[in-house]
PDB file of N, CA and C in Angstrom:
ATOM      1  N   MET A   1       0.909  -1.368   0.037  1.00  0.00           N
ATOM      2  CA  MET A   1      -0.056   0.098  -0.161  1.00  0.00           C
ATOM      3  C   MET A   1       0.927   1.332  -0.192  1.00  0.00           C
ATOM      4  N   LEU A   2       0.374   2.154  -0.904  1.00  0.00           N
ATOM      5  CA  LEU A   2       1.092   3.454  -0.830  1.00  0.00           C
ATOM      6  C   LEU A   2       0.038   4.688  -0.636  1.00  0.00           C
ATOM      7  N   THR A   3       0.420   5.553   0.256  1.00  0.00           N
ATOM      8  CA  THR A   3      -0.567   6.625  -0.002  1.00  0.00           C
ATOM      9  C   THR A   3       0.243   8.012  -0.138  1.00  0.00           C
ATOM     10  N   SER A   4      -0.411   8.900  -0.444  1.00  0.00           N
ATOM     11  CA  SER A   4       0.306  10.409  -1.203  1.00  0.00           C
ATOM     12  C   SER A   4      -0.975  11.381  -0.901  1.00  0.00           C
ATOM     13  N   ASN A   5      -0.566  12.518  -0.406  1.00  0.00           N
ATOM     14  CA  ASN A   5      -1.532  13.595  -0.356  1.00  0.00           C
ATOM     15  C   ASN A   5      -1.417  14.736  -1.687  1.00  0.00           C
ATOM     16  N   LEU A   6      -0.374  13.966  -2.573  1.00  0.00           N
ATOM     17  CA  LEU A   6      -0.208  14.795  -3.929  1.00  0.00           C
ATOM     18  C   LEU A   6      -0.876  14.027  -5.009  1.00  0.00           C
ATOM     19  N   PRO A   7      -1.600  14.814  -5.938  1.00  0.00           N
ATOM     20  CA  PRO A   7      -2.221  14.110  -7.201  1.00  0.00           C
ATOM     21  C   PRO A   7      -0.561  13.608  -7.964  1.00  0.00           C
ATOM     22  N   PHE A   8      -0.857  12.626  -8.984  1.00  0.00           N
ATOM     23  CA  PHE A   8       0.423  12.391  -9.784  1.00  0.00           C
ATOM     24  C   PHE A   8       0.737  13.368 -10.446  1.00  0.00           C
ATOM     25  N   SER A   9       0.144  14.450 -10.674  1.00  0.00           N
ATOM     26  CA  SER A   9       0.631  15.722 -11.841  1.00  0.00           C
ATOM     27  C   SER A   9       1.480  16.305 -10.678  1.00  0.00           C
ATOM     28  N   GLY A  10       1.651  16.482  -9.559  1.00  0.00           N
ATOM     29  CA  GLY A  10       2.579  16.966  -8.441  1.00  0.00           C
ATOM     30  C   GLY A  10       3.892  16.354  -8.223  1.00  0.00           C
ATOM     31  N   TRP A  11       4.128  15.104  -8.767  1.00  0.00           N
ATOM     32  CA  TRP A  11       5.011  14.413  -8.426  1.00  0.00           C
ATOM     33  C   TRP A  11       6.325  14.883  -9.085  1.00  0.00           C
ATOM     34  N   GLY A  12       6.179  15.281 -10.313  1.00  0.00           N
ATOM     35  CA  GLY A  12       7.414  15.918 -11.061  1.00  0.00           C
ATOM     36  C   GLY A  12       8.137  17.005 -10.422  1.00  0.00           C
ATOM     37  N   GLY A  13       7.368  17.735  -9.537  1.00  0.00           N
ATOM     38  CA  GLY A  13       8.169  18.916  -8.676  1.00  0.00           C
ATOM     39  C   GLY A  13       8.899  18.270  -7.407  1.00  0.00           C
ATOM     40  N   VAL A  14       8.274  17.016  -6.771  1.00  0.00           N
ATOM     41  CA  VAL A  14       8.890  16.543  -5.786  1.00  0.00           C
ATOM     42  C   VAL A  14      10.201  15.938  -6.161  1.00  0.00           C
ATOM     43  N   PHE A  15      10.045  15.152  -7.168  1.00  0.00           N
ATOM     44  CA  PHE A  15      11.387  14.434  -7.945  1.00  0.00           C
ATOM     45  C   PHE A  15      12.150  15.313  -8.533  1.00  0.00           C
ATOM     46  N   GLY A  16      12.066  16.430  -8.970  1.00  0.00           N
ATOM     47  CA  GLY A  16      12.599  17.304  -9.799  1.00  0.00           C
ATOM     48  C   GLY A  16      12.623  17.003 -11.222  1.00  0.00           C
ATOM     49  N   ASP A  17      11.993  16.083 -11.580  1.00  0.00           N
ATOM     50  CA  ASP A  17      12.003  15.340 -12.979  1.00  0.00           C
ATOM     51  C   ASP A  17      10.617  15.062 -13.800  1.00  0.00           C
ATOM     52  N   GLN A  18      10.029  15.682 -14.600  1.00  0.00           N
ATOM     53  CA  GLN A  18       8.594  14.886 -14.674  1.00  0.00           C
ATOM     54  C   GLN A  18       8.856  13.406 -15.466  1.00  0.00           C
ATOM     55  N   VAL A  19       9.989  13.253 -16.211  1.00  0.00           N
ATOM     56  CA  VAL A  19      10.034  11.846 -16.826  1.00  0.00           C
ATOM     57  C   VAL A  19      10.498  11.069 -15.723  1.00  0.00           C
ATOM     58  N   VAL A  20      11.063  11.232 -14.840  1.00  0.00           N
ATOM     59  CA  VAL A  20      11.426  10.126 -13.883  1.00  0.00           C
ATOM     60  C   VAL A  20      10.303  10.001 -13.150  1.00  0.00           C
ATOM     61  N   ALA A  21       9.348  11.033 -12.778  1.00  0.00           N
ATOM     62  CA  ALA A  21       8.104  10.866 -11.852  1.00  0.00           C
ATOM     63  C   ALA A  21       7.221   9.958 -12.791  1.00  0.00           C
ATOM     64  N   ALA A  22       7.144  10.323 -13.996  1.00  0.00           N
ATOM     65  CA  ALA A  22       6.084   9.469 -14.850  1.00  0.00           C
ATOM     66  C   ALA A  22       6.500   8.005 -14.943  1.00  0.00           C
ATOM     67  N   ALA A  23       7.845   7.629 -14.836  1.00  0.00           N
ATOM     68  CA  ALA A  23       8.367   6.272 -15.165  1.00  0.00           C
ATOM     69  C   ALA A  23       8.131   5.616 -13.570  1.00  0.00           C
ATOM     70  N   MET A  24       8.235   6.399 -12.601  1.00  0.00           N
ATOM     71  CA  MET A  24       7.821   5.902 -11.327  1.00  0.00           C
ATOM     72  C   MET A  24       6.637   5.508 -11.083  1.00  0.00           C
ATOM     73  N   ILE A  25       5.767   6.647 -11.310  1.00  0.00           N
ATOM     74  CA  ILE A  25       4.186   6.230 -11.382  1.00  0.00           C
ATOM     75  C   ILE A  25       3.763   5.077 -12.140  1.00  0.00           C
ATOM     76  N   ASP A  26       4.405   5.028 -13.415  1.00  0.00           N
ATOM     77  CA  ASP A  26       4.045   3.920 -14.280  1.00  0.00           C
ATOM     78  C   ASP A  26       4.525   2.764 -13.635  1.00  0.00           C
ATOM     79  N   ARG A  27       5.384   2.312 -12.946  1.00  0.00           N
ATOM     80  CA  ARG A  27       5.845   1.210 -12.215  1.00  0.00           C
ATOM     81  C   ARG A  27       4.881   0.799 -10.825  1.00  0.00           C
ATOM     82  N   ILE A  28       4.568   2.126 -10.424  1.00  0.00           N
ATOM     83  CA  ILE A  28       3.920   1.843  -9.280  1.00  0.00           C
ATOM     84  C   ILE A  28       2.347   1.381  -9.591  1.00  0.00           C
ATOM     85  N   VAL A  29       1.820   2.088 -10.385  1.00  0.00           N
ATOM     86  CA  VAL A  29       0.486   1.738 -10.825  1.00  0.00           C
ATOM     87  C   VAL A  29       0.112   0.724 -11.742  1.00  0.00           C
ATOM     88  N   HIS A  30       0.961   0.013 -12.242  1.00  0.00           N
ATOM     89  CA  HIS A  30       1.008  -1.129 -13.319  1.00  0.00           C
ATOM     90  C   HIS A  30       0.382  -2.449 -12.529  1.00  0.00           C
ATOM     91  N   HIS A  31      -0.495  -2.916 -12.713  1.00  0.00           N
ATOM     92  CA  HIS A  31      -1.573  -4.003 -11.955  1.00  0.00           C
ATOM     93  C   HIS A  31      -2.036  -3.493 -10.674  1.00  0.00           C
ATOM     94  N   ALA A  32      -2.287  -2.332 -10.448  1.00  0.00           N
ATOM     95  CA  ALA A  32      -2.663  -1.752  -9.308  1.00  0.00           C
ATOM     96  C   ALA A  32      -4.147  -0.815  -9.455  1.00  0.00           C
ATOM     97  N   ASP A  33      -4.928  -0.837  -8.108  1.00  0.00           N
ATOM     98  CA  ASP A  33      -6.049  -0.272  -7.875  1.00  0.00           C
ATOM     99  C   ASP A  33      -5.807   0.969  -7.442  1.00  0.00           C
ATOM    100  N   VAL A  34      -6.040   2.295  -8.182  1.00  0.00           N
ATOM    101  CA  VAL A  34      -6.050   3.360  -7.395  1.00  0.00           C
ATOM    102  C   VAL A  34      -7.251   3.952  -6.904  1.00  0.00           C
ATOM    103  N   LEU A  35      -7.196   4.395  -5.689  1.00  0.00           N
ATOM    104  CA  LEU A  35      -8.222   4.967  -5.239  1.00  0.00           C
ATOM    105  C   LEU A  35      -7.853   6.537  -4.937  1.00  0.00           C
ATOM    106  N   THR A  36      -8.679   7.217  -5.359  1.00  0.00           N
ATOM    107  CA  THR A  36      -8.712   8.582  -5.289  1.00  0.00           C
ATOM    108  C   THR A  36      -9.674   9.146  -4.344  1.00  0.00           C
ATOM    109  N   LEU A  37      -9.355   9.680  -3.153  1.00  0.00           N
ATOM    110  CA  LEU A  37     -10.354  10.112  -2.157  1.00  0.00           C
ATOM    111  C   LEU A  37     -10.716  11.807  -2.498  1.00  0.00           C
ATOM    112  N   LYS A  38     -11.997  12.219  -2.153  1.00  0.00           N
ATOM    113  CA  LYS A  38     -12.120  13.786  -2.472  1.00  0.00           C
ATOM    114  C   LYS A  38     -12.979  14.041  -1.258  1.00  0.00           C
ATOM    115  N   GLY A  39     -12.855  15.116  -0.900  1.00  0.00           N
ATOM    116  CA  GLY A  39     -13.803  15.809   0.131  1.00  0.00           C
ATOM    117  C   GLY A  39     -12.919  16.298   1.214  1.00  0.00           C
ATOM    118  N   ALA A  40     -13.643  17.109   2.408  1.00  0.00           N
ATOM    119  CA  ALA A  40     -13.006  17.521   3.306  1.00  0.00           C
ATOM    120  C   ALA A  40     -12.304  16.602   4.317  1.00  0.00           C
ATOM    121  N   SER A  41     -11.165  16.876   4.929  1.00  0.00           N
ATOM    122  CA  SER A  41     -10.680  16.112   5.610  1.00  0.00           C
ATOM    123  C   SER A  41     -11.110  15.623   7.124  1.00  0.00           C
ATOM    124  N   TYR A  42     -11.049  14.503   7.269  1.00  0.00           N
ATOM    125  CA  TYR A  42     -11.633  14.034   8.676  1.00  0.00           C
ATOM    126  C   TYR A  42     -10.886  14.408   9.701  1.00  0.00           C
ATOM    127  N   ARG A  43      -9.835  14.548   9.705  1.00  0.00           N
ATOM    128  CA  ARG A  43      -8.868  14.917  10.653  1.00  0.00           C
ATOM    129  C   ARG A  43      -8.995  16.613  11.202  1.00  0.00           C
ATOM    130  N   LEU A  44      -9.355  17.102  10.215  1.00  0.00           N
ATOM    131  CA  LEU A  44      -9.269  18.690  10.229  1.00  0.00           C
ATOM    132  C   LEU A  44     -10.835  18.898  10.501  1.00  0.00           C
ATOM    133  N   ARG A  45     -11.735  18.392  10.775  1.00  0.00           N
ATOM    134  CA  ARG A  45     -13.295  18.859  10.754  1.00  0.00           C
ATOM    135  C   ARG A  45     -13.589  19.500  11.624  1.00  0.00           C
ATOM    136  N   ASN A  46     -12.952  19.358  12.821  1.00  0.00           N
ATOM    137  CA  ASN A  46     -13.408  20.491  13.891  1.00  0.00           C
ATOM    138  C   ASN A  46     -12.439  21.373  14.151  1.00  0.00           C
ATOM    139  N   ARG A  47     -11.521  21.702  13.164  1.00  0.00           N
ATOM    140  CA  ARG A  47     -10.639  22.545  13.491  1.00  0.00           C
ATOM    141  C   ARG A  47     -10.758  23.849  13.050  1.00  0.00           C
ATOM    142  N   GLY A  48     -11.741  24.155  12.150  1.00  0.00           N
ATOM    143  CA  GLY A  48     -12.132  25.097  11.474  1.00  0.00           C
ATOM    144  C   GLY A  48     -11.401  25.640  10.355  1.00  0.00           C
ATOM    145  N   ILE A  49     -10.765  24.825   9.532  1.00  0.00           N
ATOM    146  CA  ILE A  49     -10.146  24.848   8.326  1.00  0.00           C
ATOM    147  C   ILE A  49     -10.300  23.391   7.451  1.00  0.00           C
ATOM    148  N   ASP A  50     -10.072  23.883   6.230  1.00  0.00           N
ATOM    149  CA  ASP A  50     -10.664  22.969   5.215  1.00  0.00           C
ATOM    150  C   ASP A  50      -9.403  21.921   4.795  1.00  0.00           C
ATOM    151  N   THR A  51      -8.487  22.478   4.667  1.00  0.00           N
ATOM    152  CA  THR A  51      -7.038  21.884   4.123  1.00  0.00           C
ATOM    153  C   THR A  51      -6.093  22.622   4.861  1.00  0.00           C
ATOM    154  N   LEU A  52      -4.888  21.616   4.877  1.00  0.00           N
ATOM    155  CA  LEU A  52      -3.373  22.003   5.282  1.00  0.00           C
ATOM    156  C   LEU A  52      -3.014  23.130   4.852  1.00  0.00           C
ATOM    157  N   PRO A  53      -2.229  23.719   5.388  1.00  0.00           N
ATOM    158  CA  PRO A  53      -1.679  25.173   4.381  1.00  0.00           C
ATOM    159  C   PRO A  53      -0.783  24.552   3.536  1.00  0.00           C
ATOM    160  N   SER A  54      -0.064  23.582   3.461  1.00  0.00           N
ATOM    161  CA  SER A  54       0.651  23.394   2.240  1.00  0.00           C
ATOM    162  C   SER A  54      -0.024  23.073   1.058  1.00  0.00           C
ATOM    163  N   ILE A  55      -1.505  22.596   1.088  1.00  0.00           N
ATOM    164  CA  ILE A  55      -2.087  22.415  -0.216  1.00  0.00           C
ATOM    165  C   ILE A  55      -3.071  23.566  -0.341  1.00  0.00           C
ATOM    166  N   ARG A  56      -3.140  24.360   0.224  1.00  0.00           N
ATOM    167  CA  ARG A  56      -4.521  25.333   0.191  1.00  0.00           C
ATOM    168  C   ARG A  56      -3.836  26.324  -1.438  1.00  0.00           C
ATOM    169  N   THR A  57      -4.999  26.199  -1.922  1.00  0.00           N
ATOM    170  CA  THR A  57      -4.786  27.365  -3.159  1.00  0.00           C
ATOM    171  C   THR A  57      -4.625  28.897  -2.865  1.00  0.00           C
ATOM    172  N   THR A  58      -4.413  29.736  -3.736  1.00  0.00           N
ATOM    173  CA  THR A  58      -4.183  31.076  -3.529  1.00  0.00           C
ATOM    174  C   THR A  58      -5.582  31.998  -3.306  1.00  0.00           C
ATOM    175  N   THR A  59      -6.674  31.239  -3.903  1.00  0.00           N
ATOM    176  CA  THR A  59      -7.901  31.667  -3.512  1.00  0.00           C
ATOM    177  C   THR A  59      -8.226  31.682  -2.327  1.00  0.00           C
ATOM    178  N   ASN A  60      -7.976  30.180  -1.645  1.00  0.00           N
ATOM    179  CA  ASN A  60      -8.243  30.031  -0.194  1.00  0.00           C
ATOM    180  C   ASN A  60      -7.526  30.983   1.007  1.00  0.00           C
ATOM    181  N   GLU A  61      -6.111  31.381   0.245  1.00  0.00           N
ATOM    182  CA  GLU A  61      -5.441  32.273   1.256  1.00  0.00           C
ATOM    183  C   GLU A  61      -5.806  33.555   1.278  1.00  0.00           C
ATOM    184  N   THR A  62      -6.214  34.023   0.030  1.00  0.00           N
ATOM    185  CA  THR A  62      -6.829  35.405  -0.230  1.00  0.00           C
ATOM    186  C   THR A  62      -7.999  35.694   0.682  1.00  0.00           C
ATOM    187  N   GLN A  63      -8.935  34.363   1.080  1.00  0.00           N
ATOM    188  CA  GLN A  63     -10.252  34.842   1.540  1.00  0.00           C
ATOM    189  C   GLN A  63     -10.041  34.840   2.990  1.00  0.00           C
ATOM    190  N   GLY A  64      -8.793  34.629   3.746  1.00  0.00           N
ATOM    191  CA  GLY A  64      -8.657  34.935   4.966  1.00  0.00           C
ATOM    192  C   GLY A  64      -8.532  33.468   5.951  1.00  0.00           C
TER     193      GLY A  64
END
Protein backbone atom coordinates (compact mmCIF):
# COMPACT_ATOMS: atom_id res chain seq x y z
CA MET A 1 0.00 0.00 0.00
CA LEU A 2 1.23 3.46 -0.90
CA THR A 3 -0.47 6.74 0.03
CA SER A 4 0.18 10.32 -1.01
CA ASN A 5 -1.50 13.66 -0.45
CA LEU A 6 -0.28 14.83 -3.87
CA PRO A 7 -1.95 14.07 -7.17
CA PHE A 8 0.26 12.34 -9.75
CA SER A 9 0.60 15.67 -11.58
CA GLY A 10 2.54 17.06 -8.59
CA TRP A 11 5.10 14.26 -8.36
CA GLY A 12 7.41 15.86 -10.93
CA GLY A 13 7.96 18.81 -8.62
CA VAL A 14 8.88 16.51 -5.74
CA PHE A 15 11.37 14.42 -7.72
CA GLY A 16 12.62 17.34 -9.82
CA ASP A 17 11.94 15.67 -13.16
CA GLN A 18 8.63 14.94 -14.88
CA VAL A 19 10.09 12.03 -16.85
CA VAL A 20 11.42 10.30 -13.74
CA ALA A 21 8.13 10.89 -11.93
CA ALA A 22 6.15 9.47 -14.87
CA ALA A 23 8.35 6.36 -14.93
CA MET A 24 7.91 5.85 -11.19
CA ILE A 25 4.14 6.30 -11.40
CA ASP A 26 3.99 3.87 -14.32
CA ARG A 27 5.77 1.17 -12.33
CA ILE A 28 3.80 1.80 -9.14
CA VAL A 29 0.33 1.71 -10.71
CA HIS A 30 0.97 -1.20 -13.11
CA HIS A 31 -1.55 -3.88 -12.03
CA ALA A 32 -2.65 -1.66 -9.13
CA ASP A 33 -6.01 -0.37 -8.01
CA VAL A 34 -5.82 3.40 -7.58
CA LEU A 35 -8.28 4.94 -5.13
CA THR A 36 -8.74 8.71 -5.17
CA LEU A 37 -10.49 10.18 -2.16
CA LYS A 38 -12.11 13.59 -2.39
CA GLY A 39 -13.79 15.75 0.18
CA ALA A 40 -13.01 17.54 3.40
CA SER A 41 -10.40 16.08 5.73
CA TYR A 42 -11.85 13.97 8.53
CA ARG A 43 -8.92 14.91 10.78
CA LEU A 44 -9.46 18.65 10.26
CA ARG A 45 -13.27 18.67 10.60
CA ASN A 46 -13.39 20.37 14.03
CA ARG A 47 -10.44 22.72 13.56
CA GLY A 48 -12.17 25.39 11.47
CA ILE A 49 -9.98 24.78 8.40
CA ASP A 50 -10.67 22.79 5.24
CA THR A 51 -7.14 21.94 4.11
CA LEU A 52 -3.60 21.92 5.42
CA PRO A 53 -1.61 25.12 4.74
CA SER A 54 0.75 23.31 2.34
CA ILE A 55 -2.08 22.40 -0.07
CA ARG A 56 -4.25 25.52 0.10
CA THR A 57 -4.77 27.39 -3.14
CA THR A 58 -4.14 31.09 -3.53
CA THR A 59 -7.93 31.57 -3.67
CA ASN A 60 -8.28 30.11 -0.18
CA GLU A 61 -5.38 32.19 1.14
CA THR A 62 -6.88 35.47 -0.04
CA GLN A 63 -10.22 34.69 1.62
CA GLY A 64 -8.61 34.77 5.02
